[in-house]
């Protein structure tokens, strides 16, 4: 994935923060690891078409199976290249 880069700031929406507190410890750990990777590789996820802002790219990414539950968590986020930041909009847990 290239040379190591300086991590970008990652911001969470109110909805994403609310979802984090509902996760079990293994799920929370899986999300934290994914978010750390997104800070370095913001285009890691699958592009979501249909965005309205040409300067912002929307993505969805899934965690590795969480320890304990085996569930994978979906993280929906936006990468704003001009602002050099990642904004997590949704976090959804499920099988």
PDB file of N, CA and C in Angstrom:
ATOM      1  N   UNK A   1       0.798  -1.193   0.000  1.00  0.00           N
ATOM      2  CA  UNK A   1       0.000   0.000   0.000  1.00  0.00           C
ATOM      3  C   UNK A   1       0.844   1.262   0.000  1.00  0.00           C
ATOM      4  N   UNK A   2       2.110   1.142  -0.326  1.00  0.00           N
ATOM      5  CA  UNK A   2       2.943   2.319  -0.431  1.00  0.00           C
ATOM      6  C   UNK A   2       3.680   2.633   0.853  1.00  0.00           C
ATOM      7  N   UNK A   3       4.389   3.755   0.814  1.00  0.00           N
ATOM      8  CA  UNK A   3       5.167   4.193   1.963  1.00  0.00           C
ATOM      9  C   UNK A   3       4.265   4.663   3.094  1.00  0.00           C
ATOM     10  N   UNK A   4       4.742   4.519   4.336  1.00  0.00           N
ATOM     11  CA  UNK A   4       3.941   5.020   5.458  1.00  0.00           C
ATOM     12  C   UNK A   4       3.727   6.525   5.330  1.00  0.00           C
ATOM     13  N   UNK A   5       2.540   6.956   5.681  1.00  0.00           N
ATOM     14  CA  UNK A   5       2.184   8.373   5.620  1.00  0.00           C
ATOM     15  C   UNK A   5       1.773   8.851   7.005  1.00  0.00           C
ATOM     16  N   UNK A   6       1.747  10.160   7.131  1.00  0.00           N
ATOM     17  CA  UNK A   6       1.248  10.769   8.365  1.00  0.00           C
ATOM     18  C   UNK A   6      -0.258  10.531   8.428  1.00  0.00           C
ATOM     19  N   UNK A   7      -0.785  10.012   9.538  1.00  0.00           N
ATOM     20  CA  UNK A   7      -2.235   9.774   9.626  1.00  0.00           C
ATOM     21  C   UNK A   7      -3.036  11.070   9.507  1.00  0.00           C
ATOM     22  N   UNK A   8      -4.162  10.972   8.811  1.00  0.00           N
ATOM     23  CA  UNK A   8      -5.083  12.094   8.683  1.00  0.00           C
ATOM     24  C   UNK A   8      -5.966  12.168   9.924  1.00  0.00           C
ATOM     25  N   UNK A   9      -6.492  13.339  10.224  1.00  0.00           N
ATOM     26  CA  UNK A   9      -7.469  13.411  11.314  1.00  0.00           C
ATOM     27  C   UNK A   9      -8.749  12.689  10.891  1.00  0.00           C
ATOM     28  N   UNK A  10      -9.352  11.990  11.846  1.00  0.00           N
ATOM     29  CA  UNK A  10     -10.613  11.283  11.611  1.00  0.00           C
ATOM     30  C   UNK A  10     -11.645  11.852  12.567  1.00  0.00           C
ATOM     31  N   UNK A  11     -12.772  12.282  12.019  1.00  0.00           N
ATOM     32  CA  UNK A  11     -13.858  12.842  12.815  1.00  0.00           C
ATOM     33  C   UNK A  11     -15.052  11.896  12.735  1.00  0.00           C
ATOM     34  N   UNK A  12     -15.835  11.845  13.804  1.00  0.00           N
ATOM     35  CA  UNK A  12     -17.020  10.996  13.833  1.00  0.00           C
ATOM     36  C   UNK A  12     -18.267  11.852  13.965  1.00  0.00           C
ATOM     37  N   UNK A  13     -19.300  11.491  13.216  1.00  0.00           N
ATOM     38  CA  UNK A  13     -20.586  12.174  13.349  1.00  0.00           C
ATOM     39  C   UNK A  13     -21.196  11.798  14.699  1.00  0.00           C
ATOM     40  N   UNK A  14     -22.221  12.529  15.098  1.00  0.00           N
ATOM     41  CA  UNK A  14     -22.930  12.193  16.333  1.00  0.00           C
ATOM     42  C   UNK A  14     -23.506  10.781  16.257  1.00  0.00           C
ATOM     43  N   UNK A  15     -24.021  10.405  15.079  1.00  0.00           N
ATOM     44  CA  UNK A  15     -24.598   9.064  14.898  1.00  0.00           C
ATOM     45  C   UNK A  15     -23.521   7.991  15.039  1.00  0.00           C
ATOM     46  N   UNK A  16     -22.331   8.240  14.501  1.00  0.00           N
ATOM     47  CA  UNK A  16     -21.237   7.271  14.610  1.00  0.00           C
ATOM     48  C   UNK A  16     -20.781   7.135  16.064  1.00  0.00           C
ATOM     49  N   UNK A  17     -20.683   8.242  16.767  1.00  0.00           N
ATOM     50  CA  UNK A  17     -20.294   8.182  18.182  1.00  0.00           C
ATOM     51  C   UNK A  17     -21.329   7.418  19.006  1.00  0.00           C
ATOM     52  N   UNK A  18     -22.603   7.625  18.717  1.00  0.00           N
ATOM     53  CA  UNK A  18     -23.663   6.911  19.427  1.00  0.00           C
ATOM     54  C   UNK A  18     -23.580   5.416  19.141  1.00  0.00           C
ATOM     55  N   UNK A  19     -23.246   5.052  17.922  1.00  0.00           N
ATOM     56  CA  UNK A  19     -23.127   3.631  17.567  1.00  0.00           C
ATOM     57  C   UNK A  19     -21.941   2.985  18.278  1.00  0.00           C
ATOM     58  N   UNK A  20     -20.860   3.726  18.454  1.00  0.00           N
ATOM     59  CA  UNK A  20     -19.675   3.174  19.122  1.00  0.00           C
ATOM     60  C   UNK A  20     -19.984   2.703  20.537  1.00  0.00           C
ATOM     61  N   UNK A  21     -20.777   3.461  21.263  1.00  0.00           N
ATOM     62  CA  UNK A  21     -21.050   3.091  22.655  1.00  0.00           C
ATOM     63  C   UNK A  21     -21.936   1.855  22.752  1.00  0.00           C
ATOM     64  N   UNK A  22     -22.567   1.452  21.659  1.00  0.00           N
ATOM     65  CA  UNK A  22     -23.435   0.282  21.645  1.00  0.00           C
ATOM     66  C   UNK A  22     -22.670  -1.003  21.298  1.00  0.00           C
ATOM     67  N   UNK A  23     -21.416  -0.861  20.841  1.00  0.00           N
ATOM     68  CA  UNK A  23     -20.646  -2.021  20.407  1.00  0.00           C
ATOM     69  C   UNK A  23     -20.078  -2.801  21.582  1.00  0.00           C
ATOM     70  N   UNK A  24     -19.922  -4.097  21.382  1.00  0.00           N
ATOM     71  CA  UNK A  24     -19.253  -4.950  22.370  1.00  0.00           C
ATOM     72  C   UNK A  24     -17.750  -4.721  22.257  1.00  0.00           C
ATOM     73  N   UNK A  25     -16.981  -5.101  23.280  1.00  0.00           N
ATOM     74  CA  UNK A  25     -15.536  -4.823  23.270  1.00  0.00           C
ATOM     75  C   UNK A  25     -14.810  -5.318  22.015  1.00  0.00           C
ATOM     76  N   UNK A  26     -15.075  -6.534  21.546  1.00  0.00           N
ATOM     77  CA  UNK A  26     -14.409  -7.050  20.351  1.00  0.00           C
ATOM     78  C   UNK A  26     -14.786  -6.266  19.107  1.00  0.00           C
ATOM     79  N   UNK A  27     -16.038  -5.838  19.037  1.00  0.00           N
ATOM     80  CA  UNK A  27     -16.498  -5.034  17.901  1.00  0.00           C
ATOM     81  C   UNK A  27     -15.839  -3.655  17.917  1.00  0.00           C
ATOM     82  N   UNK A  28     -15.777  -3.066  19.096  1.00  0.00           N
ATOM     83  CA  UNK A  28     -15.151  -1.748  19.238  1.00  0.00           C
ATOM     84  C   UNK A  28     -13.684  -1.810  18.819  1.00  0.00           C
ATOM     85  N   UNK A  29     -12.994  -2.860  19.229  1.00  0.00           N
ATOM     86  CA  UNK A  29     -11.591  -3.040  18.857  1.00  0.00           C
ATOM     87  C   UNK A  29     -11.444  -3.142  17.342  1.00  0.00           C
ATOM     88  N   UNK A  30     -12.327  -3.898  16.690  1.00  0.00           N
ATOM     89  CA  UNK A  30     -12.275  -4.050  15.231  1.00  0.00           C
ATOM     90  C   UNK A  30     -12.499  -2.710  14.535  1.00  0.00           C
ATOM     91  N   UNK A  31     -13.433  -1.908  15.034  1.00  0.00           N
ATOM     92  CA  UNK A  31     -13.699  -0.597  14.438  1.00  0.00           C
ATOM     93  C   UNK A  31     -12.499   0.325  14.642  1.00  0.00           C
ATOM     94  N   UNK A  32     -11.922   0.323  15.828  1.00  0.00           N
ATOM     95  CA  UNK A  32     -10.772   1.188  16.093  1.00  0.00           C
ATOM     96  C   UNK A  32      -9.604   0.851  15.168  1.00  0.00           C
ATOM     97  N   UNK A  33      -9.362  -0.438  14.941  1.00  0.00           N
ATOM     98  CA  UNK A  33      -8.281  -0.848  14.036  1.00  0.00           C
ATOM     99  C   UNK A  33      -8.561  -0.387  12.609  1.00  0.00           C
ATOM    100  N   UNK A  34      -9.806  -0.514  12.170  1.00  0.00           N
ATOM    101  CA  UNK A  34     -10.159  -0.079  10.817  1.00  0.00           C
ATOM    102  C   UNK A  34      -9.994   1.435  10.683  1.00  0.00           C
ATOM    103  N   UNK A  35     -10.457   2.181  11.653  1.00  0.00           N
ATOM    104  CA  UNK A  35     -10.353   3.647  11.597  1.00  0.00           C
ATOM    105  C   UNK A  35      -8.884   4.083  11.570  1.00  0.00           C
ATOM    106  N   UNK A  36      -8.030   3.382  12.299  1.00  0.00           N
ATOM    107  CA  UNK A  36      -6.598   3.688  12.260  1.00  0.00           C
ATOM    108  C   UNK A  36      -6.043   3.482  10.851  1.00  0.00           C
ATOM    109  N   UNK A  37      -6.485   2.438  10.173  1.00  0.00           N
ATOM    110  CA  UNK A  37      -6.043   2.178   8.795  1.00  0.00           C
ATOM    111  C   UNK A  37      -6.591   3.238   7.842  1.00  0.00           C
ATOM    112  N   UNK A  38      -7.845   3.653   8.052  1.00  0.00           N
ATOM    113  CA  UNK A  38      -8.443   4.675   7.182  1.00  0.00           C
ATOM    114  C   UNK A  38      -7.712   6.003   7.309  1.00  0.00           C
ATOM    115  N   UNK A  39      -7.175   6.292   8.478  1.00  0.00           N
ATOM    116  CA  UNK A  39      -6.440   7.539   8.683  1.00  0.00           C
ATOM    117  C   UNK A  39      -5.179   7.582   7.823  1.00  0.00           C
ATOM    118  N   UNK A  40      -4.631   6.410   7.510  1.00  0.00           N
ATOM    119  CA  UNK A  40      -3.417   6.339   6.695  1.00  0.00           C
ATOM    120  C   UNK A  40      -3.743   6.047   5.234  1.00  0.00           C
ATOM    121  N   UNK A  41      -4.772   5.233   5.012  1.00  0.00           N
ATOM    122  CA  UNK A  41      -5.173   4.838   3.661  1.00  0.00           C
ATOM    123  C   UNK A  41      -6.654   5.178   3.468  1.00  0.00           C
ATOM    124  N   UNK A  42      -6.982   6.450   3.245  1.00  0.00           N
ATOM    125  CA  UNK A  42      -8.386   6.875   3.225  1.00  0.00           C
ATOM    126  C   UNK A  42      -9.209   6.322   2.053  1.00  0.00           C
ATOM    127  N   UNK A  43      -8.565   5.801   1.050  1.00  0.00           N
ATOM    128  CA  UNK A  43      -9.308   5.231  -0.084  1.00  0.00           C
ATOM    129  C   UNK A  43      -9.397   3.704   0.024  1.00  0.00           C
ATOM    130  N   UNK A  44      -9.252   3.184   1.203  1.00  0.00           N
ATOM    131  CA  UNK A  44      -9.267   1.739   1.455  1.00  0.00           C
ATOM    132  C   UNK A  44     -10.636   1.116   1.194  1.00  0.00           C
ATOM    133  N   UNK A  45     -11.695   1.847   1.447  1.00  0.00           N
ATOM    134  CA  UNK A  45     -13.049   1.318   1.319  1.00  0.00           C
ATOM    135  C   UNK A  45     -13.523   1.197  -0.115  1.00  0.00           C
ATOM    136  N   UNK A  46     -14.753   0.743  -0.261  1.00  0.00           N
ATOM    137  CA  UNK A  46     -15.405   0.616  -1.557  1.00  0.00           C
ATOM    138  C   UNK A  46     -16.118   1.935  -1.845  1.00  0.00           C
ATOM    139  N   UNK A  47     -15.850   2.543  -3.002  1.00  0.00           N
ATOM    140  CA  UNK A  47     -16.507   3.821  -3.329  1.00  0.00           C
ATOM    141  C   UNK A  47     -18.032   3.678  -3.375  1.00  0.00           C
ATOM    142  N   UNK A  48     -18.694   4.685  -2.847  1.00  0.00           N
ATOM    143  CA  UNK A  48     -20.156   4.747  -2.888  1.00  0.00           C
ATOM    144  C   UNK A  48     -20.519   5.834  -3.899  1.00  0.00           C
ATOM    145  N   UNK A  49     -21.167   5.465  -5.008  1.00  0.00           N
ATOM    146  CA  UNK A  49     -21.493   6.462  -6.022  1.00  0.00           C
ATOM    147  C   UNK A  49     -22.637   7.378  -5.593  1.00  0.00           C
ATOM    148  N   UNK A  50     -22.737   8.497  -6.280  1.00  0.00           N
ATOM    149  CA  UNK A  50     -23.884   9.372  -6.078  1.00  0.00           C
ATOM    150  C   UNK A  50     -23.666  10.537  -5.152  1.00  0.00           C
ATOM    151  N   UNK A  51     -22.429  10.801  -4.754  1.00  0.00           N
ATOM    152  CA  UNK A  51     -22.179  11.937  -3.883  1.00  0.00           C
ATOM    153  C   UNK A  51     -22.496  13.254  -4.572  1.00  0.00           C
ATOM    154  N   UNK A  52     -22.866  14.246  -3.804  1.00  0.00           N
ATOM    155  CA  UNK A  52     -23.247  15.536  -4.377  1.00  0.00           C
ATOM    156  C   UNK A  52     -22.116  16.555  -4.355  1.00  0.00           C
ATOM    157  N   UNK A  53     -21.068  16.285  -3.606  1.00  0.00           N
ATOM    158  CA  UNK A  53     -19.949  17.218  -3.514  1.00  0.00           C
ATOM    159  C   UNK A  53     -18.766  16.646  -4.302  1.00  0.00           C
ATOM    160  N   UNK A  54     -18.334  17.315  -5.374  1.00  0.00           N
ATOM    161  CA  UNK A  54     -17.247  16.765  -6.186  1.00  0.00           C
ATOM    162  C   UNK A  54     -15.901  16.709  -5.466  1.00  0.00           C
ATOM    163  N   UNK A  55     -15.757  17.419  -4.352  1.00  0.00           N
ATOM    164  CA  UNK A  55     -14.500  17.401  -3.620  1.00  0.00           C
ATOM    165  C   UNK A  55     -14.469  16.363  -2.510  1.00  0.00           C
ATOM    166  N   UNK A  56     -15.557  15.612  -2.366  1.00  0.00           N
ATOM    167  CA  UNK A  56     -15.649  14.623  -1.283  1.00  0.00           C
ATOM    168  C   UNK A  56     -15.955  13.266  -1.889  1.00  0.00           C
ATOM    169  N   UNK A  57     -15.211  12.257  -1.464  1.00  0.00           N
ATOM    170  CA  UNK A  57     -15.449  10.892  -1.917  1.00  0.00           C
ATOM    171  C   UNK A  57     -16.074  10.090  -0.778  1.00  0.00           C
ATOM    172  N   UNK A  58     -17.166   9.377  -1.084  1.00  0.00           N
ATOM    173  CA  UNK A  58     -17.850   8.552  -0.093  1.00  0.00           C
ATOM    174  C   UNK A  58     -17.422   7.092  -0.249  1.00  0.00           C
ATOM    175  N   UNK A  59     -17.240   6.418   0.891  1.00  0.00           N
ATOM    176  CA  UNK A  59     -16.794   5.028   0.896  1.00  0.00           C
ATOM    177  C   UNK A  59     -17.519   4.246   1.983  1.00  0.00           C
ATOM    178  N   UNK A  60     -17.485   2.926   1.826  1.00  0.00           N
ATOM    179  CA  UNK A  60     -17.887   2.041   2.907  1.00  0.00           C
ATOM    180  C   UNK A  60     -16.791   0.997   3.061  1.00  0.00           C
ATOM    181  N   UNK A  61     -16.503   0.636   4.293  1.00  0.00           N
ATOM    182  CA  UNK A  61     -15.480  -0.367   4.582  1.00  0.00           C
ATOM    183  C   UNK A  61     -16.018  -1.282   5.676  1.00  0.00           C
ATOM    184  N   UNK A  62     -15.541  -2.523   5.677  1.00  0.00           N
ATOM    185  CA  UNK A  62     -15.976  -3.477   6.699  1.00  0.00           C
ATOM    186  C   UNK A  62     -14.780  -3.937   7.502  1.00  0.00           C
ATOM    187  N   UNK A  63     -15.011  -4.131   8.778  1.00  0.00           N
ATOM    188  CA  UNK A  63     -13.953  -4.603   9.668  1.00  0.00           C
ATOM    189  C   UNK A  63     -13.720  -6.092   9.435  1.00  0.00           C
ATOM    190  N   UNK A  64     -12.651  -6.573  10.005  1.00  0.00           N
ATOM    191  CA  UNK A  64     -12.434  -8.010  10.106  1.00  0.00           C
ATOM    192  C   UNK A  64     -13.480  -8.531  11.091  1.00  0.00           C
ATOM    193  N   UNK A  65     -13.781  -9.841  11.080  1.00  0.00           N
ATOM    194  CA  UNK A  65     -14.735 -10.358  12.071  1.00  0.00           C
ATOM    195  C   UNK A  65     -14.291 -10.005  13.494  1.00  0.00           C
ATOM    196  N   UNK A  66     -15.226  -9.518  14.284  1.00  0.00           N
ATOM    197  CA  UNK A  66     -14.922  -9.087  15.653  1.00  0.00           C
ATOM    198  C   UNK A  66     -14.675 -10.294  16.544  1.00  0.00           C
ATOM    199  N   UNK A  67     -13.715 -10.153  17.443  1.00  0.00           N
ATOM    200  CA  UNK A  67     -13.483 -11.239  18.392  1.00  0.00           C
ATOM    201  C   UNK A  67     -14.694 -11.345  19.307  1.00  0.00           C
ATOM    202  N   UNK A  68     -15.068 -12.545  19.631  1.00  0.00           N
ATOM    203  CA  UNK A  68     -16.239 -12.756  20.480  1.00  0.00           C
ATOM    204  C   UNK A  68     -17.484 -13.025  19.673  1.00  0.00           C
ATOM    205  N   UNK A  69     -17.922 -12.050  18.876  1.00  0.00           N
ATOM    206  CA  UNK A  69     -19.181 -12.205  18.141  1.00  0.00           C
ATOM    207  C   UNK A  69     -18.974 -12.720  16.723  1.00  0.00           C
ATOM    208  N   UNK A  70     -17.831 -12.440  16.132  1.00  0.00           N
ATOM    209  CA  UNK A  70     -17.593 -12.806  14.742  1.00  0.00           C
ATOM    210  C   UNK A  70     -18.275 -11.875  13.755  1.00  0.00           C
ATOM    211  N   UNK A  71     -19.015 -10.889  14.275  1.00  0.00           N
ATOM    212  CA  UNK A  71     -19.706  -9.939  13.405  1.00  0.00           C
ATOM    213  C   UNK A  71     -18.704  -9.011  12.726  1.00  0.00           C
ATOM    214  N   UNK A  72     -19.085  -8.553  11.553  1.00  0.00           N
ATOM    215  CA  UNK A  72     -18.315  -7.536  10.853  1.00  0.00           C
ATOM    216  C   UNK A  72     -19.088  -6.226  10.954  1.00  0.00           C
ATOM    217  N   UNK A  73     -18.361  -5.160  11.112  1.00  0.00           N
ATOM    218  CA  UNK A  73     -18.960  -3.844  11.278  1.00  0.00           C
ATOM    219  C   UNK A  73     -18.730  -3.051   9.990  1.00  0.00           C
ATOM    220  N   UNK A  74     -19.781  -2.407   9.509  1.00  0.00           N
ATOM    221  CA  UNK A  74     -19.661  -1.538   8.336  1.00  0.00           C
ATOM    222  C   UNK A  74     -19.428  -0.109   8.810  1.00  0.00           C
ATOM    223  N   UNK A  75     -18.468   0.532   8.190  1.00  0.00           N
ATOM    224  CA  UNK A  75     -18.135   1.920   8.496  1.00  0.00           C
ATOM    225  C   UNK A  75     -18.314   2.720   7.207  1.00  0.00           C
ATOM    226  N   UNK A  76     -19.225   3.680   7.237  1.00  0.00           N
ATOM    227  CA  UNK A  76     -19.471   4.549   6.087  1.00  0.00           C
ATOM    228  C   UNK A  76     -18.772   5.870   6.393  1.00  0.00           C
ATOM    229  N   UNK A  77     -17.961   6.318   5.432  1.00  0.00           N
ATOM    230  CA  UNK A  77     -17.177   7.525   5.698  1.00  0.00           C
ATOM    231  C   UNK A  77     -16.982   8.339   4.432  1.00  0.00           C
ATOM    232  N   UNK A  78     -16.529   9.571   4.654  1.00  0.00           N
ATOM    233  CA  UNK A  78     -16.229  10.498   3.564  1.00  0.00           C
ATOM    234  C   UNK A  78     -14.757  10.894   3.690  1.00  0.00           C
ATOM    235  N   UNK A  79     -14.110  10.962   2.543  1.00  0.00           N
ATOM    236  CA  UNK A  79     -12.731  11.434   2.497  1.00  0.00           C
ATOM    237  C   UNK A  79     -12.723  12.763   1.766  1.00  0.00           C
ATOM    238  N   UNK A  80     -12.298  13.799   2.453  1.00  0.00           N
ATOM    239  CA  UNK A  80     -12.213  15.137   1.865  1.00  0.00           C
ATOM    240  C   UNK A  80     -10.737  15.417   1.623  1.00  0.00           C
ATOM    241  N   UNK A  81     -10.327  15.221   0.372  1.00  0.00           N
ATOM    242  CA  UNK A  81      -8.910  15.336   0.036  1.00  0.00           C
ATOM    243  C   UNK A  81      -8.373  16.744   0.277  1.00  0.00           C
ATOM    244  N   UNK A  82      -9.121  17.778  -0.116  1.00  0.00           N
ATOM    245  CA  UNK A  82      -8.644  19.151   0.054  1.00  0.00           C
ATOM    246  C   UNK A  82      -8.453  19.521   1.524  1.00  0.00           C
ATOM    247  N   UNK A  83      -9.278  18.958   2.382  1.00  0.00           N
ATOM    248  CA  UNK A  83      -9.162  19.235   3.819  1.00  0.00           C
ATOM    249  C   UNK A  83      -8.300  18.194   4.530  1.00  0.00           C
ATOM    250  N   UNK A  84      -7.834  17.187   3.788  1.00  0.00           N
ATOM    251  CA  UNK A  84      -6.987  16.121   4.341  1.00  0.00           C
ATOM    252  C   UNK A  84      -7.590  15.531   5.609  1.00  0.00           C
ATOM    253  N   UNK A  85      -8.855  15.072   5.487  1.00  0.00           N
ATOM    254  CA  UNK A  85      -9.511  14.499   6.657  1.00  0.00           C
ATOM    255  C   UNK A  85     -10.517  13.421   6.251  1.00  0.00           C
ATOM    256  N   UNK A  86     -10.829  12.580   7.219  1.00  0.00           N
ATOM    257  CA  UNK A  86     -11.810  11.508   7.063  1.00  0.00           C
ATOM    258  C   UNK A  86     -12.936  11.792   8.045  1.00  0.00           C
ATOM    259  N   UNK A  87     -14.173  11.623   7.583  1.00  0.00           N
ATOM    260  CA  UNK A  87     -15.343  11.874   8.418  1.00  0.00           C
ATOM    261  C   UNK A  87     -16.215  10.624   8.409  1.00  0.00           C
ATOM    262  N   UNK A  88     -16.283   9.933   9.539  1.00  0.00           N
ATOM    263  CA  UNK A  88     -17.101   8.725   9.662  1.00  0.00           C
ATOM    264  C   UNK A  88     -18.536   9.160   9.922  1.00  0.00           C
ATOM    265  N   UNK A  89     -19.438   8.771   9.023  1.00  0.00           N
ATOM    266  CA  UNK A  89     -20.830   9.189   9.151  1.00  0.00           C
ATOM    267  C   UNK A  89     -21.702   8.146   9.831  1.00  0.00           C
ATOM    268  N   UNK A  90     -21.466   6.847   9.546  1.00  0.00           N
ATOM    269  CA  UNK A  90     -22.278   5.777  10.109  1.00  0.00           C
ATOM    270  C   UNK A  90     -21.413   4.589  10.494  1.00  0.00           C
ATOM    271  N   UNK A  91     -21.831   3.890  11.536  1.00  0.00           N
ATOM    272  CA  UNK A  91     -21.222   2.623  11.936  1.00  0.00           C
ATOM    273  C   UNK A  91     -22.382   1.673  12.174  1.00  0.00           C
ATOM    274  N   UNK A  92     -22.375   0.547  11.447  1.00  0.00           N
ATOM    275  CA  UNK A  92     -23.479  -0.402  11.529  1.00  0.00           C
ATOM    276  C   UNK A  92     -22.951  -1.792  11.831  1.00  0.00           C
ATOM    277  N   UNK A  93     -23.443  -2.409  12.887  1.00  0.00           N
ATOM    278  CA  UNK A  93     -23.023  -3.772  13.258  1.00  0.00           C
ATOM    279  C   UNK A  93     -24.048  -4.769  12.750  1.00  0.00           C
ATOM    280  N   UNK A  94     -23.556  -5.960  12.426  1.00  0.00           N
ATOM    281  CA  UNK A  94     -24.453  -7.017  11.981  1.00  0.00           C
ATOM    282  C   UNK A  94     -23.694  -8.221  11.485  1.00  0.00           C
ATOM    283  N   UNK A  95     -24.401  -9.289  11.218  1.00  0.00           N
ATOM    284  CA  UNK A  95     -23.730 -10.518  10.745  1.00  0.00           C
ATOM    285  C   UNK A  95     -23.168 -10.366   9.349  1.00  0.00           C
TER     286      UNK A  95
END
